[in-house]
């Protein structure tokens, strides 16, 4: 079961030539996280879309020139709203995870710990 994404409308994800577009790797992870949680039955898609539309509307209302529009930051915020609203996880846990996800820089998905042992 795949998420019934809006092709158009306020909550539609950014696309180029009909394909989803992610500016950074974490955006793709945020997208996949929402879809997999939806597929696992954590929430209904209309509920998520409502939360996303509400987040976008709130951003538009509170618009300042310093704050560029960032679809996937609003996407993560909407995901937080839905999960916390349904008591799937606590606010702190979701915030910590989404913050960690957004802060992760490219190339840091795999940790390499090389230990060198010197023989005596």
PDB file of N, CA and C in Angstrom:
ATOM      1  N   UNK A   1       0.852  -1.190   0.000  1.00  0.00           N
ATOM      2  CA  UNK A   1       0.000   0.000   0.000  1.00  0.00           C
ATOM      3  C   UNK A   1       0.887   1.238   0.000  1.00  0.00           C
ATOM      4  N   UNK A   2       0.742   2.077  -1.001  1.00  0.00           N
ATOM      5  CA  UNK A   2       1.552   3.286  -1.039  1.00  0.00           C
ATOM      6  C   UNK A   2       0.699   4.496  -0.689  1.00  0.00           C
ATOM      7  N   UNK A   3       1.351   5.530  -0.221  1.00  0.00           N
ATOM      8  CA  UNK A   3       0.643   6.728   0.218  1.00  0.00           C
ATOM      9  C   UNK A   3      -0.002   7.431  -0.967  1.00  0.00           C
ATOM     10  N   UNK A   4      -1.267   7.827  -0.837  1.00  0.00           N
ATOM     11  CA  UNK A   4      -1.949   8.551  -1.919  1.00  0.00           C
ATOM     12  C   UNK A   4      -1.541  10.014  -1.929  1.00  0.00           C
ATOM     13  N   UNK A   5      -0.364  10.303  -2.458  1.00  0.00           N
ATOM     14  CA  UNK A   5       0.164  11.666  -2.445  1.00  0.00           C
ATOM     15  C   UNK A   5      -0.624  12.588  -3.365  1.00  0.00           C
ATOM     16  N   UNK A   6      -0.767  13.818  -2.926  1.00  0.00           N
ATOM     17  CA  UNK A   6      -1.371  14.841  -3.793  1.00  0.00           C
ATOM     18  C   UNK A   6      -0.395  15.168  -4.920  1.00  0.00           C
ATOM     19  N   UNK A   7      -0.898  15.213  -6.138  1.00  0.00           N
ATOM     20  CA  UNK A   7      -0.068  15.635  -7.261  1.00  0.00           C
ATOM     21  C   UNK A   7      -0.059  17.163  -7.307  1.00  0.00           C
ATOM     22  N   UNK A   8      -1.184  17.762  -6.955  1.00  0.00           N
ATOM     23  CA  UNK A   8      -1.279  19.216  -6.924  1.00  0.00           C
ATOM     24  C   UNK A   8      -1.898  19.629  -5.598  1.00  0.00           C
ATOM     25  N   UNK A   9      -1.937  20.932  -5.357  1.00  0.00           N
ATOM     26  CA  UNK A   9      -2.528  21.422  -4.116  1.00  0.00           C
ATOM     27  C   UNK A   9      -1.453  21.844  -3.143  1.00  0.00           C
ATOM     28  N   UNK A  10      -1.880  22.424  -2.022  1.00  0.00           N
ATOM     29  CA  UNK A  10      -0.924  23.029  -1.082  1.00  0.00           C
ATOM     30  C   UNK A  10       0.033  22.018  -0.463  1.00  0.00           C
ATOM     31  N   UNK A  11      -0.391  20.758  -0.340  1.00  0.00           N
ATOM     32  CA  UNK A  11       0.459  19.789   0.349  1.00  0.00           C
ATOM     33  C   UNK A  11       1.264  18.918  -0.606  1.00  0.00           C
ATOM     34  N   UNK A  12       1.214  19.219  -1.900  1.00  0.00           N
ATOM     35  CA  UNK A  12       1.912  18.383  -2.870  1.00  0.00           C
ATOM     36  C   UNK A  12       3.425  18.495  -2.710  1.00  0.00           C
ATOM     37  N   UNK A  13       4.113  17.353  -2.715  1.00  0.00           N
ATOM     38  CA  UNK A  13       5.575  17.404  -2.603  1.00  0.00           C
ATOM     39  C   UNK A  13       6.213  17.994  -3.860  1.00  0.00           C
ATOM     40  N   UNK A  14       7.409  18.583  -3.701  1.00  0.00           N
ATOM     41  CA  UNK A  14       8.094  19.149  -4.870  1.00  0.00           C
ATOM     42  C   UNK A  14       8.382  18.059  -5.903  1.00  0.00           C
ATOM     43  N   UNK A  15       8.118  18.370  -7.168  1.00  0.00           N
ATOM     44  CA  UNK A  15       8.385  17.418  -8.244  1.00  0.00           C
ATOM     45  C   UNK A  15       9.067  18.114  -9.405  1.00  0.00           C
ATOM     46  N   UNK A  16       9.827  17.326 -10.154  1.00  0.00           N
ATOM     47  CA  UNK A  16      10.405  17.815 -11.396  1.00  0.00           C
ATOM     48  C   UNK A  16      10.135  16.752 -12.452  1.00  0.00           C
ATOM     49  N   UNK A  17       9.453  17.125 -13.517  1.00  0.00           N
ATOM     50  CA  UNK A  17       9.064  16.169 -14.554  1.00  0.00           C
ATOM     51  C   UNK A  17       8.281  14.983 -13.990  1.00  0.00           C
ATOM     52  N   UNK A  18       7.446  15.262 -12.987  1.00  0.00           N
ATOM     53  CA  UNK A  18       6.607  14.215 -12.412  1.00  0.00           C
ATOM     54  C   UNK A  18       7.293  13.356 -11.368  1.00  0.00           C
ATOM     55  N   UNK A  19       8.607  13.531 -11.193  1.00  0.00           N
ATOM     56  CA  UNK A  19       9.345  12.742 -10.205  1.00  0.00           C
ATOM     57  C   UNK A  19       9.528  13.560  -8.927  1.00  0.00           C
ATOM     58  N   UNK A  20       9.480  12.870  -7.789  1.00  0.00           N
ATOM     59  CA  UNK A  20       9.742  13.551  -6.517  1.00  0.00           C
ATOM     60  C   UNK A  20      11.167  14.087  -6.511  1.00  0.00           C
ATOM     61  N   UNK A  21      11.326  15.269  -5.942  1.00  0.00           N
ATOM     62  CA  UNK A  21      12.641  15.905  -5.897  1.00  0.00           C
ATOM     63  C   UNK A  21      13.043  16.130  -4.442  1.00  0.00           C
ATOM     64  N   UNK A  22      14.228  15.675  -4.091  1.00  0.00           N
ATOM     65  CA  UNK A  22      14.765  15.911  -2.747  1.00  0.00           C
ATOM     66  C   UNK A  22      16.060  16.706  -2.889  1.00  0.00           C
ATOM     67  N   UNK A  23      16.103  17.854  -2.224  1.00  0.00           N
ATOM     68  CA  UNK A  23      17.290  18.710  -2.326  1.00  0.00           C
ATOM     69  C   UNK A  23      18.458  18.123  -1.539  1.00  0.00           C
ATOM     70  N   UNK A  24      18.143  17.417  -0.450  1.00  0.00           N
ATOM     71  CA  UNK A  24      19.183  16.849   0.407  1.00  0.00           C
ATOM     72  C   UNK A  24      18.770  15.441   0.805  1.00  0.00           C
ATOM     73  N   UNK A  25      19.759  14.583   1.153  1.00  0.00           N
ATOM     74  CA  UNK A  25      19.438  13.190   1.504  1.00  0.00           C
ATOM     75  C   UNK A  25      18.433  13.056   2.653  1.00  0.00           C
ATOM     76  N   UNK A  26      18.508  13.946   3.652  1.00  0.00           N
ATOM     77  CA  UNK A  26      17.599  13.806   4.799  1.00  0.00           C
ATOM     78  C   UNK A  26      16.142  14.014   4.381  1.00  0.00           C
ATOM     79  N   UNK A  27      15.905  14.784   3.316  1.00  0.00           N
ATOM     80  CA  UNK A  27      14.533  15.005   2.867  1.00  0.00           C
ATOM     81  C   UNK A  27      13.925  13.701   2.365  1.00  0.00           C
ATOM     82  N   UNK A  28      14.727  12.927   1.645  1.00  0.00           N
ATOM     83  CA  UNK A  28      14.268  11.623   1.180  1.00  0.00           C
ATOM     84  C   UNK A  28      13.983  10.696   2.349  1.00  0.00           C
ATOM     85  N   UNK A  29      14.824  10.773   3.393  1.00  0.00           N
ATOM     86  CA  UNK A  29      14.604   9.933   4.583  1.00  0.00           C
ATOM     87  C   UNK A  29      13.341  10.351   5.312  1.00  0.00           C
ATOM     88  N   UNK A  30      13.105  11.669   5.388  1.00  0.00           N
ATOM     89  CA  UNK A  30      11.892  12.174   6.054  1.00  0.00           C
ATOM     90  C   UNK A  30      10.648  11.702   5.301  1.00  0.00           C
ATOM     91  N   UNK A  31      10.717  11.766   3.981  1.00  0.00           N
ATOM     92  CA  UNK A  31       9.608  11.323   3.146  1.00  0.00           C
ATOM     93  C   UNK A  31       9.351   9.833   3.360  1.00  0.00           C
ATOM     94  N   UNK A  32      10.421   9.042   3.292  1.00  0.00           N
ATOM     95  CA  UNK A  32      10.294   7.588   3.440  1.00  0.00           C
ATOM     96  C   UNK A  32       9.778   7.217   4.835  1.00  0.00           C
ATOM     97  N   UNK A  33      10.199   7.974   5.848  1.00  0.00           N
ATOM     98  CA  UNK A  33       9.769   7.708   7.220  1.00  0.00           C
ATOM     99  C   UNK A  33       8.257   7.887   7.341  1.00  0.00           C
ATOM    100  N   UNK A  34       7.729   8.965   6.764  1.00  0.00           N
ATOM    101  CA  UNK A  34       6.291   9.215   6.833  1.00  0.00           C
ATOM    102  C   UNK A  34       5.516   8.127   6.093  1.00  0.00           C
ATOM    103  N   UNK A  35       5.994   7.770   4.899  1.00  0.00           N
ATOM    104  CA  UNK A  35       5.290   6.757   4.100  1.00  0.00           C
ATOM    105  C   UNK A  35       5.322   5.402   4.797  1.00  0.00           C
ATOM    106  N   UNK A  36       6.476   5.024   5.370  1.00  0.00           N
ATOM    107  CA  UNK A  36       6.556   3.712   6.017  1.00  0.00           C
ATOM    108  C   UNK A  36       5.710   3.666   7.283  1.00  0.00           C
ATOM    109  N   UNK A  37       5.630   4.773   8.016  1.00  0.00           N
ATOM    110  CA  UNK A  37       4.769   4.822   9.207  1.00  0.00           C
ATOM    111  C   UNK A  37       3.298   4.722   8.802  1.00  0.00           C
ATOM    112  N   UNK A  38       2.958   5.395   7.712  1.00  0.00           N
ATOM    113  CA  UNK A  38       1.586   5.308   7.193  1.00  0.00           C
ATOM    114  C   UNK A  38       1.277   3.870   6.788  1.00  0.00           C
ATOM    115  N   UNK A  39       2.208   3.232   6.076  1.00  0.00           N
ATOM    116  CA  UNK A  39       1.992   1.856   5.621  1.00  0.00           C
ATOM    117  C   UNK A  39       1.910   0.889   6.792  1.00  0.00           C
ATOM    118  N   UNK A  40       2.569   1.235   7.903  1.00  0.00           N
ATOM    119  CA  UNK A  40       2.516   0.391   9.101  1.00  0.00           C
ATOM    120  C   UNK A  40       1.228   0.632   9.886  1.00  0.00           C
ATOM    121  N   UNK A  41       0.423   1.607   9.431  1.00  0.00           N
ATOM    122  CA  UNK A  41      -0.851   1.869  10.087  1.00  0.00           C
ATOM    123  C   UNK A  41      -0.773   2.819  11.263  1.00  0.00           C
ATOM    124  N   UNK A  42       0.323   3.607  11.341  1.00  0.00           N
ATOM    125  CA  UNK A  42       0.485   4.539  12.461  1.00  0.00           C
ATOM    126  C   UNK A  42      -0.530   5.683  12.401  1.00  0.00           C
ATOM    127  N   UNK A  43      -0.964   6.037  11.176  1.00  0.00           N
ATOM    128  CA  UNK A  43      -1.942   7.114  11.003  1.00  0.00           C
ATOM    129  C   UNK A  43      -2.571   6.981   9.622  1.00  0.00           C
ATOM    130  N   UNK A  44      -3.655   7.714   9.403  1.00  0.00           N
ATOM    131  CA  UNK A  44      -4.279   7.716   8.072  1.00  0.00           C
ATOM    132  C   UNK A  44      -3.659   8.841   7.244  1.00  0.00           C
ATOM    133  N   UNK A  45      -3.610   8.648   5.940  1.00  0.00           N
ATOM    134  CA  UNK A  45      -2.991   9.671   5.094  1.00  0.00           C
ATOM    135  C   UNK A  45      -3.746  11.001   5.123  1.00  0.00           C
ATOM    136  N   UNK A  46      -5.083  11.000   5.082  1.00  0.00           N
ATOM    137  CA  UNK A  46      -5.782  12.296   5.167  1.00  0.00           C
ATOM    138  C   UNK A  46      -5.418  13.068   6.434  1.00  0.00           C
ATOM    139  N   UNK A  47      -5.220  12.345   7.521  1.00  0.00           N
ATOM    140  CA  UNK A  47      -4.852  13.016   8.774  1.00  0.00           C
ATOM    141  C   UNK A  47      -3.494  13.692   8.637  1.00  0.00           C
ATOM    142  N   UNK A  48      -2.562  12.972   8.007  1.00  0.00           N
ATOM    143  CA  UNK A  48      -1.237  13.549   7.789  1.00  0.00           C
ATOM    144  C   UNK A  48      -1.315  14.750   6.850  1.00  0.00           C
ATOM    145  N   UNK A  49      -2.095  14.604   5.779  1.00  0.00           N
ATOM    146  CA  UNK A  49      -2.233  15.719   4.835  1.00  0.00           C
ATOM    147  C   UNK A  49      -2.839  16.945   5.506  1.00  0.00           C
ATOM    148  N   UNK A  50      -3.836  16.724   6.362  1.00  0.00           N
ATOM    149  CA  UNK A  50      -4.438  17.852   7.091  1.00  0.00           C
ATOM    150  C   UNK A  50      -3.390  18.552   7.950  1.00  0.00           C
ATOM    151  N   UNK A  51      -2.553  17.746   8.627  1.00  0.00           N
ATOM    152  CA  UNK A  51      -1.509  18.319   9.484  1.00  0.00           C
ATOM    153  C   UNK A  51      -0.500  19.097   8.651  1.00  0.00           C
ATOM    154  N   UNK A  52      -0.167  18.549   7.478  1.00  0.00           N
ATOM    155  CA  UNK A  52       0.794  19.210   6.600  1.00  0.00           C
ATOM    156  C   UNK A  52       0.223  20.525   6.056  1.00  0.00           C
ATOM    157  N   UNK A  53      -1.033  20.491   5.631  1.00  0.00           N
ATOM    158  CA  UNK A  53      -1.690  21.700   5.124  1.00  0.00           C
ATOM    159  C   UNK A  53      -1.765  22.761   6.232  1.00  0.00           C
ATOM    160  N   UNK A  54      -2.046  22.310   7.464  1.00  0.00           N
ATOM    161  CA  UNK A  54      -2.107  23.239   8.600  1.00  0.00           C
ATOM    162  C   UNK A  54      -0.740  23.868   8.855  1.00  0.00           C
ATOM    163  N   UNK A  55       0.321  23.057   8.767  1.00  0.00           N
ATOM    164  CA  UNK A  55       1.681  23.569   8.969  1.00  0.00           C
ATOM    165  C   UNK A  55       2.052  24.581   7.870  1.00  0.00           C
ATOM    166  N   UNK A  56       1.683  24.260   6.637  1.00  0.00           N
ATOM    167  CA  UNK A  56       1.987  25.165   5.516  1.00  0.00           C
ATOM    168  C   UNK A  56       1.213  26.479   5.686  1.00  0.00           C
ATOM    169  N   UNK A  57      -0.060  26.359   6.078  1.00  0.00           N
ATOM    170  CA  UNK A  57      -0.888  27.556   6.284  1.00  0.00           C
ATOM    171  C   UNK A  57      -0.313  28.418   7.410  1.00  0.00           C
ATOM    172  N   UNK A  58       0.146  27.757   8.491  1.00  0.00           N
ATOM    173  CA  UNK A  58       0.725  28.491   9.626  1.00  0.00           C
ATOM    174  C   UNK A  58       2.006  29.198   9.188  1.00  0.00           C
ATOM    175  N   UNK A  59       2.795  28.510   8.352  1.00  0.00           N
ATOM    176  CA  UNK A  59       4.028  29.126   7.847  1.00  0.00           C
ATOM    177  C   UNK A  59       3.692  30.353   7.004  1.00  0.00           C
ATOM    178  N   UNK A  60       2.676  30.224   6.161  1.00  0.00           N
ATOM    179  CA  UNK A  60       2.299  31.346   5.289  1.00  0.00           C
ATOM    180  C   UNK A  60       1.806  32.535   6.104  1.00  0.00           C
ATOM    181  N   UNK A  61       1.114  32.254   7.204  1.00  0.00           N
ATOM    182  CA  UNK A  61       0.593  33.317   8.065  1.00  0.00           C
ATOM    183  C   UNK A  61       1.727  34.030   8.796  1.00  0.00           C
ATOM    184  N   UNK A  62       2.703  33.233   9.240  1.00  0.00           N
ATOM    185  CA  UNK A  62       3.805  33.789  10.037  1.00  0.00           C
ATOM    186  C   UNK A  62       5.019  34.111   9.173  1.00  0.00           C
ATOM    187  N   UNK A  63       4.789  34.265   7.867  1.00  0.00           N
ATOM    188  CA  UNK A  63       5.899  34.437   6.926  1.00  0.00           C
ATOM    189  C   UNK A  63       6.765  35.648   7.269  1.00  0.00           C
ATOM    190  N   UNK A  64       8.066  35.401   7.342  1.00  0.00           N
ATOM    191  CA  UNK A  64       9.035  36.502   7.451  1.00  0.00           C
ATOM    192  C   UNK A  64      10.081  36.273   6.371  1.00  0.00           C
ATOM    193  N   UNK A  65      10.711  37.332   5.958  1.00  0.00           N
ATOM    194  CA  UNK A  65      11.700  37.222   4.883  1.00  0.00           C
ATOM    195  C   UNK A  65      12.908  36.385   5.309  1.00  0.00           C
ATOM    196  N   UNK A  66      13.145  36.305   6.605  1.00  0.00           N
ATOM    197  CA  UNK A  66      14.310  35.541   7.087  1.00  0.00           C
ATOM    198  C   UNK A  66      14.088  34.035   6.964  1.00  0.00           C
ATOM    199  N   UNK A  67      12.849  33.639   6.848  1.00  0.00           N
ATOM    200  CA  UNK A  67      12.526  32.221   6.914  1.00  0.00           C
ATOM    201  C   UNK A  67      12.115  31.715   5.537  1.00  0.00           C
ATOM    202  N   UNK A  68      13.022  31.049   4.814  1.00  0.00           N
ATOM    203  CA  UNK A  68      12.657  30.548   3.500  1.00  0.00           C
ATOM    204  C   UNK A  68      11.674  29.376   3.625  1.00  0.00           C
ATOM    205  N   UNK A  69      10.852  29.237   2.633  1.00  0.00           N
ATOM    206  CA  UNK A  69       9.899  28.128   2.624  1.00  0.00           C
ATOM    207  C   UNK A  69      10.666  26.830   2.456  1.00  0.00           C
ATOM    208  N   UNK A  70      10.456  25.900   3.379  1.00  0.00           N
ATOM    209  CA  UNK A  70      11.150  24.625   3.284  1.00  0.00           C
ATOM    210  C   UNK A  70      10.150  23.493   3.479  1.00  0.00           C
ATOM    211  N   UNK A  71       9.731  22.903   2.373  1.00  0.00           N
ATOM    212  CA  UNK A  71       8.655  21.906   2.380  1.00  0.00           C
ATOM    213  C   UNK A  71       8.915  20.770   3.367  1.00  0.00           C
ATOM    214  N   UNK A  72      10.122  20.207   3.349  1.00  0.00           N
ATOM    215  CA  UNK A  72      10.339  19.006   4.167  1.00  0.00           C
ATOM    216  C   UNK A  72      10.536  19.294   5.652  1.00  0.00           C
ATOM    217  N   UNK A  73      10.882  20.533   6.005  1.00  0.00           N
ATOM    218  CA  UNK A  73      10.871  20.875   7.431  1.00  0.00           C
ATOM    219  C   UNK A  73       9.424  20.910   7.919  1.00  0.00           C
ATOM    220  N   UNK A  74       8.527  21.432   7.085  1.00  0.00           N
ATOM    221  CA  UNK A  74       7.101  21.439   7.431  1.00  0.00           C
ATOM    222  C   UNK A  74       6.556  20.013   7.421  1.00  0.00           C
ATOM    223  N   UNK A  75       7.053  19.195   6.512  1.00  0.00           N
ATOM    224  CA  UNK A  75       6.667  17.776   6.421  1.00  0.00           C
ATOM    225  C   UNK A  75       6.993  17.068   7.737  1.00  0.00           C
ATOM    226  N   UNK A  76       8.222  17.268   8.242  1.00  0.00           N
ATOM    227  CA  UNK A  76       8.628  16.648   9.509  1.00  0.00           C
ATOM    228  C   UNK A  76       7.792  17.163  10.668  1.00  0.00           C
ATOM    229  N   UNK A  77       7.504  18.468  10.659  1.00  0.00           N
ATOM    230  CA  UNK A  77       6.693  19.056  11.728  1.00  0.00           C
ATOM    231  C   UNK A  77       5.291  18.453  11.722  1.00  0.00           C
ATOM    232  N   UNK A  78       4.729  18.258  10.521  1.00  0.00           N
ATOM    233  CA  UNK A  78       3.399  17.654  10.405  1.00  0.00           C
ATOM    234  C   UNK A  78       3.427  16.210  10.888  1.00  0.00           C
ATOM    235  N   UNK A  79       4.501  15.502  10.571  1.00  0.00           N
ATOM    236  CA  UNK A  79       4.646  14.113  11.014  1.00  0.00           C
ATOM    237  C   UNK A  79       4.689  14.067  12.542  1.00  0.00           C
ATOM    238  N   UNK A  80       5.424  15.008  13.149  1.00  0.00           N
ATOM    239  CA  UNK A  80       5.452  15.118  14.612  1.00  0.00           C
ATOM    240  C   UNK A  80       4.045  15.327  15.164  1.00  0.00           C
ATOM    241  N   UNK A  81       3.317  16.276  14.558  1.00  0.00           N
ATOM    242  CA  UNK A  81       1.966  16.601  15.033  1.00  0.00           C
ATOM    243  C   UNK A  81       1.075  15.364  15.048  1.00  0.00           C
ATOM    244  N   UNK A  82       1.134  14.599  13.951  1.00  0.00           N
ATOM    245  CA  UNK A  82       0.263  13.431  13.809  1.00  0.00           C
ATOM    246  C   UNK A  82       0.645  12.342  14.804  1.00  0.00           C
ATOM    247  N   UNK A  83       1.937  12.057  14.909  1.00  0.00           N
ATOM    248  CA  UNK A  83       2.387  10.975  15.794  1.00  0.00           C
ATOM    249  C   UNK A  83       2.126  11.313  17.256  1.00  0.00           C
ATOM    250  N   UNK A  84       2.414  12.551  17.627  1.00  0.00           N
ATOM    251  CA  UNK A  84       2.182  12.966  19.017  1.00  0.00           C
ATOM    252  C   UNK A  84       0.678  13.018  19.299  1.00  0.00           C
ATOM    253  N   UNK A  85      -0.082  13.520  18.316  1.00  0.00           N
ATOM    254  CA  UNK A  85      -1.536  13.618  18.471  1.00  0.00           C
ATOM    255  C   UNK A  85      -2.190  12.259  18.674  1.00  0.00           C
ATOM    256  N   UNK A  86      -1.605  11.238  18.073  1.00  0.00           N
ATOM    257  CA  UNK A  86      -2.165   9.892  18.213  1.00  0.00           C
ATOM    258  C   UNK A  86      -1.486   9.124  19.345  1.00  0.00           C
ATOM    259  N   UNK A  87      -0.606   9.822  20.073  1.00  0.00           N
ATOM    260  CA  UNK A  87       0.095   9.223  21.212  1.00  0.00           C
ATOM    261  C   UNK A  87       0.903   7.990  20.797  1.00  0.00           C
ATOM    262  N   UNK A  88       1.421   8.025  19.568  1.00  0.00           N
ATOM    263  CA  UNK A  88       2.264   6.914  19.125  1.00  0.00           C
ATOM    264  C   UNK A  88       3.608   7.001  19.840  1.00  0.00           C
ATOM    265  N   UNK A  89       4.116   8.209  19.947  1.00  0.00           N
ATOM    266  CA  UNK A  89       5.372   8.451  20.650  1.00  0.00           C
ATOM    267  C   UNK A  89       5.258   9.778  21.398  1.00  0.00           C
ATOM    268  N   UNK A  90       6.193  10.035  22.283  1.00  0.00           N
ATOM    269  CA  UNK A  90       6.172  11.292  23.021  1.00  0.00           C
ATOM    270  C   UNK A  90       6.756  12.415  22.161  1.00  0.00           C
ATOM    271  N   UNK A  91       6.380  13.639  22.488  1.00  0.00           N
ATOM    272  CA  UNK A  91       6.882  14.803  21.747  1.00  0.00           C
ATOM    273  C   UNK A  91       8.404  14.848  21.768  1.00  0.00           C
ATOM    274  N   UNK A  92       8.986  14.612  22.946  1.00  0.00           N
ATOM    275  CA  UNK A  92      10.445  14.688  23.076  1.00  0.00           C
ATOM    276  C   UNK A  92      11.141  13.687  22.169  1.00  0.00           C
ATOM    277  N   UNK A  93      10.588  12.480  22.127  1.00  0.00           N
ATOM    278  CA  UNK A  93      11.214  11.433  21.315  1.00  0.00           C
ATOM    279  C   UNK A  93      11.155  11.783  19.836  1.00  0.00           C
ATOM    280  N   UNK A  94       9.998  12.244  19.379  1.00  0.00           N
ATOM    281  CA  UNK A  94       9.855  12.608  17.968  1.00  0.00           C
ATOM    282  C   UNK A  94      10.757  13.796  17.644  1.00  0.00           C
ATOM    283  N   UNK A  95      10.766  14.795  18.503  1.00  0.00           N
ATOM    284  CA  UNK A  95      11.591  15.981  18.259  1.00  0.00           C
ATOM    285  C   UNK A  95      13.066  15.601  18.173  1.00  0.00           C
ATOM    286  N   UNK A  96      13.496  14.759  19.089  1.00  0.00           N
ATOM    287  CA  UNK A  96      14.900  14.336  19.102  1.00  0.00           C
ATOM    288  C   UNK A  96      15.240  13.594  17.812  1.00  0.00           C
ATOM    289  N   UNK A  97      14.339  12.709  17.388  1.00  0.00           N
ATOM    290  CA  UNK A  97      14.615  11.926  16.178  1.00  0.00           C
ATOM    291  C   UNK A  97      14.582  12.777  14.917  1.00  0.00           C
ATOM    292  N   UNK A  98      13.588  13.651  14.796  1.00  0.00           N
ATOM    293  CA  UNK A  98      13.508  14.473  13.590  1.00  0.00           C
ATOM    294  C   UNK A  98      14.663  15.470  13.552  1.00  0.00           C
ATOM    295  N   UNK A  99      15.059  15.962  14.724  1.00  0.00           N
ATOM    296  CA  UNK A  99      16.181  16.893  14.783  1.00  0.00           C
ATOM    297  C   UNK A  99      17.459  16.181  14.347  1.00  0.00           C
ATOM    298  N   UNK A 100      17.657  14.971  14.853  1.00  0.00           N
ATOM    299  CA  UNK A 100      18.849  14.201  14.484  1.00  0.00           C
ATOM    300  C   UNK A 100      18.851  13.912  12.989  1.00  0.00           C
ATOM    301  N   UNK A 101      17.691  13.598  12.470  1.00  0.00           N
ATOM    302  CA  UNK A 101      17.556  13.284  11.045  1.00  0.00           C
ATOM    303  C   UNK A 101      17.908  14.499  10.200  1.00  0.00           C
ATOM    304  N   UNK A 102      17.380  15.656  10.580  1.00  0.00           N
ATOM    305  CA  UNK A 102      17.599  16.874   9.807  1.00  0.00           C
ATOM    306  C   UNK A 102      19.043  17.367   9.919  1.00  0.00           C
ATOM    307  N   UNK A 103      19.696  17.087  11.052  1.00  0.00           N
ATOM    308  CA  UNK A 103      21.054  17.580  11.264  1.00  0.00           C
ATOM    309  C   UNK A 103      22.114  16.716  10.601  1.00  0.00           C
ATOM    310  N   UNK A 104      21.740  15.488  10.265  1.00  0.00           N
ATOM    311  CA  UNK A 104      22.723  14.567   9.707  1.00  0.00           C
ATOM    312  C   UNK A 104      23.222  15.079   8.370  1.00  0.00           C
ATOM    313  N   UNK A 105      24.515  15.195   8.217  1.00  0.00           N
ATOM    314  CA  UNK A 105      25.044  15.712   6.964  1.00  0.00           C
ATOM    315  C   UNK A 105      25.318  14.561   5.998  1.00  0.00           C
ATOM    316  N   UNK A 106      25.358  14.858   4.715  1.00  0.00           N
ATOM    317  CA  UNK A 106      25.594  13.805   3.725  1.00  0.00           C
ATOM    318  C   UNK A 106      26.904  13.082   4.001  1.00  0.00           C
ATOM    319  N   UNK A 107      26.899  11.777   3.827  1.00  0.00           N
ATOM    320  CA  UNK A 107      28.114  11.008   4.037  1.00  0.00           C
ATOM    321  C   UNK A 107      28.278  10.523   5.457  1.00  0.00           C
ATOM    322  N   UNK A 108      27.375  10.932   6.344  1.00  0.00           N
ATOM    323  CA  UNK A 108      27.492  10.504   7.741  1.00  0.00           C
ATOM    324  C   UNK A 108      26.484   9.414   8.088  1.00  0.00           C
ATOM    325  N   UNK A 109      25.922   8.790   7.093  1.00  0.00           N
ATOM    326  CA  UNK A 109      24.963   7.724   7.362  1.00  0.00           C
ATOM    327  C   UNK A 109      25.657   6.444   7.819  1.00  0.00           C
ATOM    328  N   UNK A 110      26.896   6.298   7.436  1.00  0.00           N
ATOM    329  CA  UNK A 110      27.631   5.097   7.825  1.00  0.00           C
ATOM    330  C   UNK A 110      28.832   5.491   8.661  1.00  0.00           C
ATOM    331  N   UNK A 111      28.939   4.909   9.845  1.00  0.00           N
ATOM    332  CA  UNK A 111      30.084   5.229  10.694  1.00  0.00           C
ATOM    333  C   UNK A 111      31.177   4.207  10.474  1.00  0.00           C
ATOM    334  N   UNK A 112      32.364   4.699  10.310  1.00  0.00           N
ATOM    335  CA  UNK A 112      33.514   3.814  10.163  1.00  0.00           C
ATOM    336  C   UNK A 112      34.424   4.009  11.355  1.00  0.00           C
ATOM    337  N   UNK A 113      34.503   3.004  12.179  1.00  0.00           N
ATOM    338  CA  UNK A 113      35.427   3.062  13.308  1.00  0.00           C
ATOM    339  C   UNK A 113      36.568   2.107  13.018  1.00  0.00           C
ATOM    340  N   UNK A 114      37.712   2.664  12.720  1.00  0.00           N
ATOM    341  CA  UNK A 114      38.884   1.817  12.455  1.00  0.00           C
ATOM    342  C   UNK A 114      39.762   1.849  13.686  1.00  0.00           C
ATOM    343  N   UNK A 115      39.961   0.686  14.270  1.00  0.00           N
ATOM    344  CA  UNK A 115      40.854   0.616  15.420  1.00  0.00           C
ATOM    345  C   UNK A 115      42.139  -0.068  14.966  1.00  0.00           C
ATOM    346  N   UNK A 116      43.232   0.532  15.310  1.00  0.00           N
ATOM    347  CA  UNK A 116      44.528  -0.038  14.944  1.00  0.00           C
ATOM    348  C   UNK A 116      45.158  -0.638  16.176  1.00  0.00           C
ATOM    349  N   UNK A 117      45.418  -1.911  16.129  1.00  0.00           N
ATOM    350  CA  UNK A 117      46.063  -2.585  17.251  1.00  0.00           C
ATOM    351  C   UNK A 117      47.538  -2.789  16.904  1.00  0.00           C
ATOM    352  N   UNK A 118      48.379  -2.378  17.791  1.00  0.00           N
ATOM    353  CA  UNK A 118      49.820  -2.516  17.556  1.00  0.00           C
ATOM    354  C   UNK A 118      50.315  -3.739  18.308  1.00  0.00           C
ATOM    355  N   UNK A 119      50.978  -4.627  17.596  1.00  0.00           N
ATOM    356  CA  UNK A 119      51.531  -5.814  18.250  1.00  0.00           C
ATOM    357  C   UNK A 119      52.845  -5.439  18.917  1.00  0.00           C
ATOM    358  N   UNK A 120      53.034  -5.950  20.140  1.00  0.00           N
ATOM    359  CA  UNK A 120      54.281  -5.646  20.864  1.00  0.00           C
ATOM    360  C   UNK A 120      55.182  -6.845  20.799  1.00  0.00           C
TER     361      UNK A 120
END
